[in-house]
């Protein structure tokens, strides 16, 4: 039996999983792409050696990412996904019948192609949804001159990793980019970004929250449980007017597996570990 060790926080915190098959390994002009079959967490996607998702718990991450910001929003019609080439976040947004336009801007077409070929059930046909359009280009330039304004913007980019230089997503975690996102929002729109593991990587969420407050006016933090990420994943949202409702106000037709009333309330509660101010 082969084993794969991967970082949660550089070499300070790692996880090791048993691997039954290395399904595909590809190298794009931007990054390495690997999909493994693990014995306990199912199929897993890695970019540049960092875990992006696992079949076992990806629904917890993507349901929380997609739906919590929309709670209490009256019939959102347009959304933009920055990154998200695996298609799982797009899958979740396609559950909302009110959306008429969902744009995705992804710099690496090979991520989409690899996941479509070797893990198609992840997007569950979302790439073929007539409301979805994919732009294979640089998100930094795209958001500066977007084709329209959006009710929701999701930044599903890879992390900027501690002790690693030259991250592909480095420009997407800057105040300049967040200001461009704010200009691309509708009056009651919301922007949300993934913010790494808030327990083991607390250096991410705190600065992002400060930048979001400056760029959008209102900002907040929430989290969910993702065992394959070392237990937790954090998110930061910003908006000029909207905020996720304190109680779950989402359509009963979404057919979610993780985001019930209990886990929704947990997402908005304080984390009992760590300190985001550090």
Protein backbone atom coordinates (compact mmCIF):
# COMPACT_ATOMS: atom_id res chain seq x y z
CA UNK A 1 0.00 0.00 0.00
CA UNK A 2 1.34 3.41 -0.99
CA UNK A 3 0.96 6.48 1.21
CA UNK A 4 0.81 10.17 0.33
CA UNK A 5 1.81 12.91 2.76
CA UNK A 6 0.66 16.45 2.02
CA UNK A 7 0.87 19.79 3.84
CA UNK A 8 -1.86 21.37 5.90
CA UNK A 9 0.55 24.11 7.03
CA UNK A 10 3.90 23.67 5.26
CA UNK A 11 5.90 21.03 7.11
CA UNK A 12 4.50 22.12 10.48
CA UNK A 13 1.23 20.18 10.10
CA UNK A 14 0.78 17.39 7.54
CA UNK A 15 -1.64 14.59 6.72
CA UNK A 16 -0.90 11.13 5.35
CA UNK A 17 -3.42 9.02 3.44
CA UNK A 18 -3.25 5.53 1.94
CA UNK A 19 -3.41 5.60 -1.86
CA UNK A 20 -4.72 2.76 -4.02
CA UNK A 21 -4.23 4.46 -7.40
CA UNK A 22 -2.53 7.52 -8.89
CA UNK A 23 -5.21 8.17 -11.49
CA UNK A 24 -3.59 11.01 -13.45
CA UNK A 25 -0.64 13.37 -13.28
CA UNK A 26 -0.46 16.35 -15.62
CA UNK A 27 1.60 19.50 -15.89
CA UNK A 28 0.04 22.63 -17.32
CA UNK A 29 1.83 25.91 -18.08
CA UNK A 30 0.72 27.02 -14.60
CA UNK A 31 0.89 24.08 -12.18
CA UNK A 32 0.96 20.33 -11.64
CA UNK A 33 -2.38 18.50 -11.45
CA UNK A 34 -2.79 15.14 -9.73
CA UNK A 35 -5.83 13.00 -8.98
CA UNK A 36 -5.46 10.06 -6.59
CA UNK A 37 -7.79 7.37 -5.34
CA UNK A 38 -7.38 7.16 -1.58
CA UNK A 39 -8.68 4.29 0.50
CA UNK A 40 -10.46 6.41 3.14
CA UNK A 41 -11.18 9.82 1.55
CA UNK A 42 -12.08 8.68 -1.96
CA UNK A 43 -10.89 10.53 -5.02
CA UNK A 44 -8.63 13.52 -4.24
CA UNK A 45 -7.46 16.47 -6.35
CA UNK A 46 -4.08 18.13 -5.78
CA UNK A 47 -2.56 21.21 -7.41
CA UNK A 48 1.18 21.68 -6.95
CA UNK A 49 1.07 19.06 -4.22
CA UNK A 50 -1.63 20.81 -2.16
CA UNK A 51 -4.99 19.18 -1.54
CA UNK A 52 -7.91 20.95 -3.25
CA UNK A 53 -10.71 18.55 -2.43
CA UNK A 54 -11.59 15.00 -1.45
CA UNK A 55 -14.64 13.01 -2.45
CA UNK A 56 -15.31 12.22 1.22
CA UNK A 57 -16.04 15.80 2.30
CA UNK A 58 -15.92 18.20 -0.68
CA UNK A 59 -19.67 18.77 -0.38
CA UNK A 60 -19.16 20.38 3.04
CA UNK A 61 -16.69 22.89 1.61
CA UNK A 62 -18.59 23.68 -1.58
CA UNK A 63 -22.06 23.85 -0.04
CA UNK A 64 -20.82 26.23 2.65
CA UNK A 65 -18.89 28.32 0.13
CA UNK A 66 -21.78 28.62 -2.31
CA UNK A 67 -24.93 28.88 -0.25
CA UNK A 68 -24.19 30.66 3.03
CA UNK A 69 -23.50 34.03 1.31
CA UNK A 70 -26.85 33.76 -0.52
CA UNK A 71 -28.91 33.11 2.61
CA UNK A 72 -31.58 35.80 2.80
CA UNK A 73 -30.76 37.24 -0.65
CA UNK A 74 -33.85 37.75 -2.79
CA UNK A 75 -33.51 35.76 -6.03
CA UNK A 76 -29.89 36.37 -7.09
CA UNK A 77 -29.57 36.33 -10.87
CA UNK A 78 -25.87 36.57 -11.72
CA UNK A 79 -22.70 35.07 -10.30
CA UNK A 80 -18.99 35.05 -11.06
CA UNK A 81 -16.59 32.30 -9.98
CA UNK A 82 -12.88 33.13 -9.94
CA UNK A 83 -11.01 29.85 -10.29
CA UNK A 84 -13.00 26.74 -9.39
CA UNK A 85 -11.86 24.76 -12.41
CA UNK A 86 -12.87 21.45 -10.84
CA UNK A 87 -16.52 22.51 -11.33
CA UNK A 88 -17.84 21.67 -7.87
CA UNK A 89 -18.64 25.26 -6.85
CA UNK A 90 -20.34 25.76 -10.22
CA UNK A 91 -22.38 22.62 -9.50
CA UNK A 92 -23.63 24.14 -6.26
CA UNK A 93 -24.58 27.48 -7.83
CA UNK A 94 -26.50 25.68 -10.57
CA UNK A 95 -28.85 24.40 -7.84
CA UNK A 96 -30.30 27.93 -7.59
CA UNK A 97 -33.05 28.31 -10.18
CA UNK A 98 -32.98 32.11 -9.90
CA UNK A 99 -29.53 32.36 -11.49
CA UNK A 100 -29.73 33.23 -15.17
CA UNK A 101 -26.02 33.91 -15.67
CA UNK A 102 -23.05 32.15 -14.07
CA UNK A 103 -19.60 33.15 -15.33
CA UNK A 104 -16.41 31.34 -14.42
CA UNK A 105 -12.95 32.78 -15.11
CA UNK A 106 -10.25 30.11 -14.84
CA UNK A 107 -6.67 30.64 -15.96
CA UNK A 108 -5.83 26.95 -16.34
CA UNK A 109 -7.93 25.10 -18.91
CA UNK A 110 -6.09 21.87 -18.13
CA UNK A 111 -7.64 21.76 -14.65
CA UNK A 112 -11.11 21.78 -16.20
CA UNK A 113 -10.19 19.21 -18.84
CA UNK A 114 -8.47 16.88 -16.35
CA UNK A 115 -11.37 16.96 -13.90
CA UNK A 116 -13.91 16.53 -16.69
CA UNK A 117 -12.06 13.46 -17.95
CA UNK A 118 -11.06 11.78 -14.69
CA UNK A 119 -13.62 13.06 -12.15
CA UNK A 120 -16.74 14.08 -14.14
CA UNK A 121 -19.20 13.34 -11.32
CA UNK A 122 -17.66 16.24 -9.40
CA UNK A 123 -19.32 18.88 -11.59
CA UNK A 124 -22.41 16.69 -12.20
CA UNK A 125 -23.06 18.23 -15.61
CA UNK A 126 -22.68 21.84 -14.48
CA UNK A 127 -20.29 22.70 -17.31
CA UNK A 128 -23.10 21.86 -19.74
CA UNK A 129 -25.66 24.07 -17.96
CA UNK A 130 -26.80 26.70 -20.49
CA UNK A 131 -26.52 29.43 -17.84
CA UNK A 132 -22.79 28.78 -17.39
CA UNK A 133 -20.01 30.41 -19.44
CA UNK A 134 -16.31 29.71 -18.87
CA UNK A 135 -13.61 32.26 -19.68
CA UNK A 136 -10.08 30.84 -19.82
CA UNK A 137 -8.11 33.94 -18.93
CA UNK A 138 -6.45 35.89 -16.15
CA UNK A 139 -9.01 36.76 -13.46
CA UNK A 140 -7.10 39.88 -12.38
CA UNK A 141 -7.60 41.49 -15.81
CA UNK A 142 -11.13 40.06 -16.22
CA UNK A 143 -12.45 41.61 -13.01
CA UNK A 144 -10.98 45.00 -13.92
CA UNK A 145 -13.22 45.04 -17.00
CA UNK A 146 -16.09 42.62 -16.34
CA UNK A 147 -18.82 42.12 -18.95
CA UNK A 148 -21.49 42.94 -16.32
CA UNK A 149 -22.12 43.37 -12.60
CA UNK A 150 -22.79 40.35 -10.39
CA UNK A 151 -25.02 39.57 -7.43
CA UNK A 152 -22.40 37.16 -6.10
CA UNK A 153 -18.65 36.81 -6.69
CA UNK A 154 -16.77 33.75 -5.44
CA UNK A 155 -12.97 33.69 -5.23
CA UNK A 156 -12.18 29.97 -5.33
CA UNK A 157 -8.46 30.41 -5.93
CA UNK A 158 -5.63 28.33 -4.53
CA UNK A 159 -4.09 29.50 -1.27
CA UNK A 160 -1.03 31.68 -0.95
CA UNK A 161 1.10 29.16 0.92
CA UNK A 162 3.36 29.99 3.82
CA UNK A 163 7.07 29.64 2.99
CA UNK A 164 6.34 29.33 -0.76
CA UNK A 165 7.00 32.15 -3.23
CA UNK A 166 5.39 32.88 -6.58
CA UNK A 167 1.88 31.56 -5.91
CA UNK A 168 -0.35 31.41 -8.96
CA UNK A 169 -3.10 33.22 -7.01
CA UNK A 170 -0.96 35.86 -5.32
CA UNK A 171 -2.59 38.79 -7.16
CA UNK A 172 -6.05 37.54 -6.16
CA UNK A 173 -5.37 38.09 -2.45
CA UNK A 174 -4.68 41.82 -2.68
CA UNK A 175 -6.61 44.95 -1.79
CA UNK A 176 -6.47 46.06 -5.44
CA UNK A 177 -8.24 42.90 -6.61
CA UNK A 178 -10.85 43.16 -3.86
CA UNK A 179 -11.56 46.78 -4.83
CA UNK A 180 -12.11 45.66 -8.44
CA UNK A 181 -14.48 42.95 -7.17
CA UNK A 182 -16.41 45.58 -5.20
CA UNK A 183 -16.88 47.64 -8.37
CA UNK A 184 -18.14 44.52 -10.17
CA UNK A 185 -20.89 43.86 -7.59
CA UNK A 186 -24.50 44.93 -7.83
CA UNK A 187 -25.79 47.26 -5.09
CA UNK A 188 -26.91 44.36 -2.88
CA UNK A 189 -24.30 41.88 -4.07
CA UNK A 190 -21.80 39.88 -2.02
CA UNK A 191 -18.24 38.68 -2.57
CA UNK A 192 -16.77 35.69 -0.73
CA UNK A 193 -13.34 34.11 -0.76
CA UNK A 194 -11.99 30.92 0.70
CA UNK A 195 -9.55 31.80 3.50
CA UNK A 196 -7.56 28.63 4.22
CA UNK A 197 -7.64 26.63 7.45
CA UNK A 198 -8.40 29.17 10.21
CA UNK A 199 -7.03 26.94 12.99
CA UNK A 200 -3.68 25.84 11.56
CA UNK A 201 -3.22 28.76 9.11
CA UNK A 202 -4.63 31.76 11.01
CA UNK A 203 -2.37 34.16 9.10
CA UNK A 204 -4.81 34.09 6.14
CA UNK A 205 -8.28 35.05 7.36
CA UNK A 206 -7.40 38.00 9.59
CA UNK A 207 -5.67 40.15 6.93
CA UNK A 208 -8.29 39.23 4.32
CA UNK A 209 -11.07 40.32 6.68
CA UNK A 210 -9.38 43.71 7.16
CA UNK A 211 -8.96 44.15 3.39
CA UNK A 212 -12.58 43.17 2.75
CA UNK A 213 -13.85 45.73 5.26
CA UNK A 214 -11.92 48.43 3.38
CA UNK A 215 -13.02 47.29 -0.06
CA UNK A 216 -16.69 46.41 0.52
CA UNK A 217 -17.82 48.25 3.66
CA UNK A 218 -19.29 45.24 5.44
CA UNK A 219 -17.34 42.04 6.01
CA UNK A 220 -17.53 38.86 8.04
CA UNK A 221 -16.09 35.41 8.57
CA UNK A 222 -17.56 31.91 8.66
CA UNK A 223 -16.21 28.37 8.56
CA UNK A 224 -17.06 24.74 7.99
CA UNK A 225 -15.73 21.30 8.85
CA UNK A 226 -13.53 19.68 6.20
CA UNK A 227 -11.55 16.69 7.55
CA UNK A 228 -9.33 16.41 4.47
CA UNK A 229 -8.18 20.03 4.96
CA UNK A 230 -7.02 19.29 8.49
CA UNK A 231 -10.48 19.72 9.96
CA UNK A 232 -11.54 23.23 8.97
CA UNK A 233 -11.96 25.71 6.14
CA UNK A 234 -12.56 29.43 6.54
CA UNK A 235 -14.34 31.98 4.35
CA UNK A 236 -14.49 35.78 4.34
CA UNK A 237 -17.40 37.70 2.80
CA UNK A 238 -17.80 41.37 1.91
CA UNK A 239 -20.72 43.46 0.69
CA UNK A 240 -21.90 47.07 0.55
CA UNK A 241 -25.35 46.13 1.87
CA UNK A 242 -26.08 42.40 2.11
CA UNK A 243 -24.99 39.98 4.82
CA UNK A 244 -25.71 36.26 5.26
CA UNK A 245 -28.79 35.83 7.42
CA UNK A 246 -28.11 34.72 11.01
CA UNK A 247 -30.42 31.75 10.43
CA UNK A 248 -30.52 29.51 7.38
CA UNK A 249 -32.85 31.01 4.74
CA UNK A 250 -32.34 28.88 1.66
CA UNK A 251 -34.68 27.04 -0.67
CA UNK A 252 -35.75 23.61 0.50
CA UNK A 253 -35.24 22.41 -3.08
CA UNK A 254 -31.43 22.64 -2.95
CA UNK A 255 -31.06 19.04 -1.68
CA UNK A 256 -27.91 19.67 0.35
CA UNK A 257 -26.00 16.99 2.26
CA UNK A 258 -23.97 19.05 4.74
CA UNK A 259 -25.50 22.50 5.16
CA UNK A 260 -28.45 21.81 7.45
CA UNK A 261 -29.69 24.22 10.12
CA UNK A 262 -27.19 22.92 12.68
CA UNK A 263 -24.12 23.23 10.45
CA UNK A 264 -25.30 26.63 9.22
CA UNK A 265 -25.45 27.91 12.80
CA UNK A 266 -22.06 26.33 13.50
CA UNK A 267 -20.55 28.15 10.50
CA UNK A 268 -21.45 31.54 11.98
CA UNK A 269 -20.33 30.70 15.52
CA UNK A 270 -16.85 31.42 16.92
CA UNK A 271 -14.19 28.78 16.32
CA UNK A 272 -13.19 27.27 19.67
CA UNK A 273 -9.52 27.14 18.61
CA UNK A 274 -7.00 29.73 17.45
CA UNK A 275 -7.20 33.49 17.21
CA UNK A 276 -7.94 35.22 13.90
CA UNK A 277 -6.30 38.42 15.09
CA UNK A 278 -2.86 36.80 15.05
